[in-house]
Amino acid sequence: MRITQMIQKNLGLKDKQIYSNIHKYGNTTAGTIPIALAEAWKEGKISKGDIIIFASFGSGFTWASAAIRW
């Protein structure tokens, strides 16, 4: 959660521009992004044409990111 908050602050993003569910499940490893995406869609936080940025960090300093237009 601290990493997400730091990135949000550094990029000047509003709370509504960030979706995180780590407070509900903890670290769900490979399931984190699909679970969060399904929840955000179900909650109406994603609309057609939105640009969604995915970012994930793992152990061993691994990371990945992607940008898609919904």
Protein backbone atom coordinates (compact mmCIF):
# COMPACT_ATOMS: atom_id res chain seq x y z
CA MET A 1 0.00 0.00 0.00
CA ARG A 2 2.85 2.37 0.80
CA ILE A 3 4.34 1.86 -2.68
CA THR A 4 1.01 2.68 -4.32
CA GLN A 5 0.58 5.78 -2.16
CA MET A 6 4.11 6.99 -2.93
CA ILE A 7 3.61 6.55 -6.68
CA GLN A 8 0.23 8.28 -6.49
CA LYS A 9 1.77 11.25 -4.69
CA ASN A 10 4.78 11.48 -7.01
CA LEU A 11 2.56 11.39 -10.11
CA GLY A 12 -0.01 13.78 -8.65
CA LEU A 13 -2.88 11.31 -9.10
CA LYS A 14 -6.24 11.71 -7.39
CA ASP A 15 -7.71 8.97 -5.19
CA LYS A 16 -10.33 8.17 -7.85
CA GLN A 17 -7.52 7.43 -10.33
CA ILE A 18 -6.09 4.61 -8.20
CA TYR A 19 -7.66 1.24 -7.44
CA SER A 20 -6.17 -0.98 -4.79
CA ASN A 21 -7.62 -3.94 -2.90
CA ILE A 22 -4.54 -4.92 -0.87
CA HIS A 23 -6.37 -3.84 2.31
CA LYS A 24 -8.98 -6.56 1.65
CA TYR A 25 -6.82 -9.51 0.53
CA GLY A 26 -3.18 -8.72 1.17
CA ASN A 27 -0.74 -9.67 -1.57
CA THR A 28 -2.47 -12.03 -4.00
CA THR A 29 0.66 -12.34 -6.20
CA ALA A 30 -0.24 -13.23 -9.81
CA GLY A 31 -3.95 -12.74 -9.13
CA THR A 32 -3.63 -9.14 -7.97
CA ILE A 33 -4.24 -7.36 -11.28
CA PRO A 34 -7.07 -9.60 -12.57
CA ILE A 35 -8.88 -9.42 -9.21
CA ALA A 36 -8.54 -5.63 -9.01
CA LEU A 37 -9.63 -5.23 -12.64
CA ALA A 38 -12.75 -7.37 -12.10
CA GLU A 39 -13.64 -5.44 -8.94
CA ALA A 40 -13.09 -2.03 -10.54
CA TRP A 41 -15.26 -3.05 -13.52
CA LYS A 42 -18.01 -4.40 -11.25
CA GLU A 43 -17.95 -1.17 -9.19
CA GLY A 44 -18.32 0.97 -12.32
CA LYS A 45 -14.90 2.58 -11.99
CA ILE A 46 -13.92 1.71 -15.57
CA SER A 47 -15.67 3.11 -18.64
CA LYS A 48 -15.31 2.40 -22.35
CA GLY A 49 -12.37 4.37 -23.73
CA ASP A 50 -10.56 4.71 -20.40
CA ILE A 51 -6.82 4.24 -20.42
CA ILE A 52 -5.85 1.79 -17.70
CA ILE A 53 -2.30 1.48 -16.40
CA PHE A 54 -1.33 -1.79 -14.73
CA ALA A 55 1.80 -1.98 -12.60
CA SER A 56 3.04 -4.87 -10.49
CA PHE A 57 6.07 -5.43 -8.31
CA GLY A 58 7.40 -8.76 -7.15
CA SER A 59 10.18 -10.20 -5.08
CA GLY A 60 13.69 -10.09 -6.47
CA PHE A 61 13.12 -6.58 -7.83
CA THR A 62 10.91 -7.84 -10.65
CA TRP A 63 8.24 -5.58 -12.07
CA ALA A 64 5.94 -5.24 -15.03
CA SER A 65 3.54 -2.66 -16.39
CA ALA A 66 1.12 -2.21 -19.26
CA ALA A 67 -1.26 0.43 -20.59
CA ILE A 68 -4.50 -0.47 -22.34
CA ARG A 69 -7.49 1.40 -23.69
CA TRP A 70 -10.62 -0.26 -22.33
